[in-house]
N, C-alpha and C. Protein backbone atom coordinates (compact mmCIF):
# COMPACT_ATOMS: atom_id res chain seq x y z
N UNK A 1 19.63 8.23 -138.81
CA UNK A 1 19.87 9.43 -138.60
C UNK A 1 20.02 9.95 -139.76
N UNK A 2 18.91 10.70 -140.73
CA UNK A 2 19.34 11.82 -141.17
C UNK A 2 20.88 12.44 -141.49
N UNK A 3 20.81 11.92 -142.77
CA UNK A 3 22.52 12.26 -143.52
C UNK A 3 23.28 11.46 -142.91
N UNK A 4 23.27 10.39 -141.74
CA UNK A 4 24.09 9.77 -142.01
C UNK A 4 24.13 8.56 -142.99
N UNK A 5 25.86 8.50 -143.73
CA UNK A 5 25.96 7.82 -145.25
C UNK A 5 25.80 6.48 -145.42
N UNK A 6 25.96 6.03 -143.69
CA UNK A 6 25.79 4.46 -142.77
C UNK A 6 24.20 3.91 -143.44
N UNK A 7 23.27 4.79 -143.08
CA UNK A 7 22.09 4.66 -142.93
C UNK A 7 21.43 4.58 -144.30
N UNK A 8 22.04 5.49 -145.38
CA UNK A 8 21.65 5.62 -146.60
C UNK A 8 21.70 4.21 -147.21
N UNK A 9 23.10 3.86 -147.12
CA UNK A 9 23.35 2.14 -147.29
C UNK A 9 23.26 0.91 -147.32
N UNK A 10 21.87 1.33 -146.55
CA UNK A 10 21.36 0.04 -145.97
C UNK A 10 20.44 -0.03 -147.07
N UNK A 11 19.55 -1.85 -147.08
CA UNK A 11 19.19 -1.89 -148.31
C UNK A 11 17.90 -2.72 -147.47
N UNK A 12 18.14 -3.24 -145.86
CA UNK A 12 17.23 -4.22 -145.56
C UNK A 12 16.93 -3.66 -144.09
N UNK A 13 15.67 -3.16 -143.68
CA UNK A 13 15.17 -3.05 -142.47
C UNK A 13 15.93 -3.54 -141.46
N UNK A 14 16.20 -3.08 -140.30
CA UNK A 14 16.90 -3.74 -139.03
C UNK A 14 15.76 -3.56 -137.98
N UNK A 15 16.39 -4.86 -137.07
CA UNK A 15 16.11 -4.97 -135.97
C UNK A 15 16.90 -4.69 -135.09
N UNK A 16 16.06 -3.60 -133.67
CA UNK A 16 17.27 -3.16 -132.73
C UNK A 16 16.72 -4.45 -131.26
N UNK A 17 17.61 -4.10 -130.96
CA UNK A 17 17.98 -4.93 -129.78
C UNK A 17 18.38 -4.19 -128.21
N UNK A 18 17.00 -3.82 -126.96
CA UNK A 18 16.98 -2.88 -126.46
C UNK A 18 18.84 -2.88 -125.23
N UNK A 19 18.62 -4.79 -125.03
CA UNK A 19 19.37 -5.36 -123.93
C UNK A 19 20.64 -6.38 -124.72
N UNK A 20 20.19 -6.60 -126.12
CA UNK A 20 21.44 -7.23 -126.64
C UNK A 20 20.86 -8.63 -126.64
N UNK A 21 21.63 -9.16 -127.46
CA UNK A 21 21.14 -10.57 -127.82
C UNK A 21 22.81 -11.33 -127.42
N UNK A 22 22.82 -11.95 -126.33
CA UNK A 22 23.99 -12.51 -126.59
C UNK A 22 24.50 -13.65 -127.43
N UNK A 23 25.70 -13.72 -128.40
CA UNK A 23 26.11 -14.43 -129.37
C UNK A 23 27.92 -14.59 -128.87
N UNK A 24 28.31 -15.06 -130.01
CA UNK A 24 29.62 -15.44 -130.08
C UNK A 24 30.59 -15.03 -131.56
N UNK A 25 31.53 -14.83 -131.49
CA UNK A 25 32.13 -14.82 -132.90
C UNK A 25 33.39 -15.48 -132.41
N UNK A 26 33.51 -16.25 -133.64
CA UNK A 26 34.63 -17.61 -133.42
C UNK A 26 35.22 -17.50 -134.63
N UNK A 27 36.51 -17.90 -134.58
CA UNK A 27 37.91 -17.93 -135.97
C UNK A 27 37.00 -18.78 -137.20
N UNK A 28 37.50 -18.53 -138.32
CA UNK A 28 37.14 -19.30 -138.76
C UNK A 28 37.57 -20.42 -139.08
N UNK A 29 39.14 -20.76 -138.44
CA UNK A 29 39.69 -21.88 -137.99
C UNK A 29 39.82 -22.29 -136.31
N UNK A 30 38.19 -21.85 -136.22
CA UNK A 30 38.31 -21.85 -134.55
C UNK A 30 39.70 -21.31 -133.63
N UNK A 31 40.46 -20.52 -133.74
CA UNK A 31 41.86 -20.13 -132.98
C UNK A 31 41.57 -18.85 -131.91
N UNK A 32 40.14 -18.40 -132.20
CA UNK A 32 39.59 -17.60 -130.75
C UNK A 32 38.33 -17.37 -130.92
N UNK A 33 37.80 -17.02 -130.23
CA UNK A 33 36.53 -16.36 -130.10
C UNK A 33 35.91 -15.18 -129.08
N UNK A 34 34.50 -15.09 -129.22
CA UNK A 34 34.54 -13.56 -128.35
C UNK A 34 33.23 -13.45 -127.94
N UNK A 35 33.02 -13.33 -126.94
CA UNK A 35 31.53 -13.45 -126.79
C UNK A 35 31.27 -11.46 -126.93
N UNK A 36 30.13 -11.68 -127.24
CA UNK A 36 29.23 -10.49 -127.81
C UNK A 36 27.76 -10.05 -127.85
N UNK A 37 27.30 -9.08 -127.78
CA UNK A 37 25.82 -8.67 -127.90
C UNK A 37 25.92 -8.04 -129.31
N UNK A 38 24.42 -8.81 -129.85
CA UNK A 38 23.98 -8.32 -131.25
C UNK A 38 23.11 -7.01 -130.93
N UNK A 39 23.01 -5.72 -131.15
CA UNK A 39 22.30 -4.67 -131.20
C UNK A 39 21.61 -4.30 -131.72
N UNK A 40 21.56 -5.51 -132.96
CA UNK A 40 20.56 -4.78 -134.22
C UNK A 40 20.76 -6.03 -135.19
N UNK A 41 19.99 -5.84 -136.34
CA UNK A 41 20.42 -6.97 -137.09
C UNK A 41 19.02 -6.89 -138.00
N UNK A 42 20.09 -7.41 -139.37
CA UNK A 42 18.71 -6.91 -140.55
C UNK A 42 19.10 -8.47 -141.44
N UNK A 43 19.01 -8.45 -142.33
CA UNK A 43 18.76 -9.56 -143.84
C UNK A 43 20.64 -9.63 -143.91
N UNK A 44 20.51 -8.91 -144.31
CA UNK A 44 22.39 -8.51 -144.37
C UNK A 44 23.45 -8.12 -143.46
N UNK A 45 23.25 -7.96 -142.53
CA UNK A 45 24.38 -7.84 -141.43
C UNK A 45 23.80 -7.71 -139.58
N UNK A 46 24.76 -7.37 -139.32
CA UNK A 46 24.49 -6.99 -138.10
C UNK A 46 25.39 -5.85 -137.31
N UNK A 47 24.92 -5.39 -135.98
CA UNK A 47 25.93 -4.76 -135.21
C UNK A 47 25.94 -5.15 -134.20
N UNK A 48 27.15 -5.53 -133.53
CA UNK A 48 27.89 -5.86 -132.34
C UNK A 48 28.64 -5.51 -131.38
N UNK A 49 28.64 -5.81 -130.26
CA UNK A 49 29.35 -4.94 -128.90
C UNK A 49 30.14 -6.60 -128.32
N UNK A 50 31.43 -6.17 -129.11
CA UNK A 50 32.70 -6.74 -128.14
C UNK A 50 32.82 -7.05 -127.23
N UNK A 51 32.68 -7.94 -126.11
CA UNK A 51 33.80 -8.26 -124.87
C UNK A 51 34.82 -8.20 -125.30
N UNK A 52 35.64 -7.30 -125.02
CA UNK A 52 37.61 -7.79 -124.20
C UNK A 52 37.90 -7.30 -126.26
N UNK A 53 39.16 -7.49 -125.88
CA UNK A 53 40.11 -6.89 -127.46
C UNK A 53 39.69 -7.36 -128.59
N UNK A 54 39.27 -6.72 -129.67
CA UNK A 54 39.42 -7.05 -131.09
C UNK A 54 41.01 -6.98 -131.97
N UNK A 55 41.59 -5.91 -131.32
CA UNK A 55 42.73 -5.96 -131.55
C UNK A 55 43.27 -6.53 -132.14
N UNK A 56 43.96 -6.90 -133.06
CA UNK A 56 45.50 -8.07 -133.33
C UNK A 56 44.55 -9.48 -133.56
N UNK A 57 42.86 -9.37 -133.75
CA UNK A 57 42.78 -10.76 -134.12
C UNK A 57 42.66 -10.70 -136.16
N UNK A 58 42.82 -12.25 -136.09
CA UNK A 58 42.42 -12.33 -137.85
C UNK A 58 40.58 -11.91 -137.93
N UNK A 59 40.27 -11.55 -137.73
CA UNK A 59 38.65 -11.12 -137.83
C UNK A 59 38.12 -10.51 -139.46
N UNK A 60 38.86 -10.70 -140.44
CA UNK A 60 38.58 -10.03 -141.19
C UNK A 60 36.94 -10.41 -141.80
N UNK A 61 36.86 -12.26 -141.65
CA UNK A 61 35.84 -13.37 -142.12
C UNK A 61 35.62 -13.46 -141.26
N UNK A 62 34.79 -14.59 -139.98
CA UNK A 62 34.32 -15.28 -138.93
C UNK A 62 33.44 -15.44 -138.97
N UNK A 63 32.67 -16.48 -137.66
CA UNK A 63 31.57 -17.29 -137.08
C UNK A 63 30.77 -16.37 -136.90
N UNK A 64 29.64 -16.43 -136.75
CA UNK A 64 28.91 -15.98 -135.62
C UNK A 64 27.87 -16.62 -135.50
N UNK A 65 27.66 -16.98 -134.26
CA UNK A 65 27.10 -18.09 -133.33
C UNK A 65 25.94 -17.50 -132.19
N UNK A 66 24.74 -17.61 -133.36
CA UNK A 66 23.25 -17.60 -132.57
C UNK A 66 23.09 -18.26 -131.09
N UNK A 67 23.64 -19.75 -131.09
CA UNK A 67 23.04 -20.42 -130.07
C UNK A 67 24.91 -21.29 -129.23
N UNK A 68 24.34 -22.37 -128.18
CA UNK A 68 25.41 -22.09 -127.83
C UNK A 68 26.50 -23.81 -128.03
N UNK A 69 25.34 -24.41 -128.63
CA UNK A 69 25.47 -25.61 -129.28
C UNK A 69 26.12 -25.18 -130.45
N UNK A 70 26.25 -24.25 -131.61
CA UNK A 70 26.73 -23.93 -133.18
C UNK A 70 25.80 -24.42 -134.04
N UNK A 71 24.59 -24.42 -133.67
CA UNK A 71 23.55 -25.13 -134.85
C UNK A 71 23.31 -24.01 -135.59
N UNK A 72 23.28 -22.51 -135.28
CA UNK A 72 22.62 -21.11 -135.39
C UNK A 72 23.90 -20.57 -135.86
N UNK A 73 24.19 -20.46 -137.44
CA UNK A 73 25.44 -19.10 -137.26
C UNK A 73 25.34 -18.88 -138.24
N UNK A 74 26.40 -17.95 -138.79
CA UNK A 74 26.24 -16.74 -140.27
C UNK A 74 27.75 -16.72 -140.67
N UNK A 75 28.53 -16.76 -141.38
CA UNK A 75 29.54 -16.56 -141.85
C UNK A 75 29.64 -15.25 -141.75
N UNK A 76 30.54 -14.64 -141.57
CA UNK A 76 30.15 -12.78 -141.40
C UNK A 76 31.68 -12.47 -141.83
N UNK A 77 31.58 -11.18 -142.38
CA UNK A 77 32.69 -10.05 -143.33
C UNK A 77 32.63 -8.29 -142.57
N UNK A 78 33.52 -8.62 -141.69
CA UNK A 78 33.98 -7.49 -141.12
C UNK A 78 33.80 -6.04 -142.33
N UNK A 79 32.97 -4.93 -141.65
CA UNK A 79 32.60 -3.88 -142.47
C UNK A 79 33.23 -2.99 -141.81
N UNK A 80 32.96 -3.05 -140.56
CA UNK A 80 33.47 -1.09 -140.14
C UNK A 80 33.94 -1.80 -138.22
N UNK A 81 34.78 -0.63 -137.12
CA UNK A 81 34.99 -1.31 -136.24
C UNK A 81 35.30 0.52 -135.46
N UNK A 82 34.58 0.47 -134.58
CA UNK A 82 34.28 1.61 -133.46
C UNK A 82 34.37 1.86 -132.10
N UNK A 83 35.45 1.29 -131.98
CA UNK A 83 35.99 0.86 -130.14
C UNK A 83 36.02 -0.53 -130.00
N UNK A 84 34.53 -0.21 -128.94
CA UNK A 84 33.86 -2.12 -128.84
C UNK A 84 33.16 -2.28 -129.77
N UNK A 85 32.50 -1.75 -130.95
CA UNK A 85 31.62 -1.88 -131.49
C UNK A 85 31.70 -2.10 -133.15
N UNK A 86 31.18 -3.34 -133.89
CA UNK A 86 31.88 -3.75 -135.23
C UNK A 86 30.28 -3.88 -135.96
N UNK A 87 30.68 -3.62 -137.20
CA UNK A 87 28.83 -3.69 -137.99
C UNK A 87 29.89 -4.72 -138.74
N UNK A 88 29.02 -6.08 -139.41
CA UNK A 88 29.39 -6.81 -140.27
C UNK A 88 28.17 -7.29 -141.56
N UNK A 89 28.98 -7.92 -142.32
CA UNK A 89 27.95 -8.06 -143.70
C UNK A 89 27.95 -9.65 -143.04
N UNK A 90 26.66 -10.13 -143.40
CA UNK A 90 25.93 -11.37 -143.91
C UNK A 90 26.67 -12.15 -145.13
N UNK A 91 27.94 -12.82 -144.69
CA UNK A 91 28.10 -13.96 -146.15
C UNK A 91 27.60 -15.31 -146.86
N UNK A 92 27.32 -15.09 -147.66
CA UNK A 92 26.24 -15.94 -149.02
C UNK A 92 27.54 -16.50 -149.53
N UNK A 93 26.85 -17.87 -149.74
CA UNK A 93 28.07 -18.49 -150.93
C UNK A 93 28.62 -17.68 -151.72
N UNK A 94 27.61 -17.00 -152.49
CA UNK A 94 27.89 -16.21 -154.00
C UNK A 94 29.23 -15.16 -152.71
N UNK A 95 28.77 -14.48 -152.32
CA UNK A 95 30.03 -13.60 -151.65
C UNK A 95 31.29 -13.79 -151.33
N UNK A 96 31.34 -15.32 -151.08
CA UNK A 96 32.78 -15.95 -150.20
C UNK A 96 33.95 -15.59 -151.70
N UNK A 97 35.10 -15.05 -151.13
CA UNK A 97 36.48 -15.50 -151.91
C UNK A 97 36.30 -16.98 -151.73
N UNK A 98 37.07 -17.52 -153.58
CA UNK A 98 37.36 -18.33 -153.58
C UNK A 98 38.85 -18.30 -152.82
């Protein structure tokens, strides 16, 4: 979007999925899980459409599972929320808080 502050901050090209890709958000401690659709992704983060409520979840950091058996995942940090859409930043070892 021209003039959008979000697009101006993006450093990596994004890939958009017209139907979304099924993924799961899972709490770091395993206490909750939400189904969601990944609607776009880049090297640094993704946009997710979350099924169900996310209010009240301890969701600042969580895992995003790309496979049903949990072998493909990324640790994420919540960046923004807009209704059922959220933006996440993929954390790398150097990004994690001690």
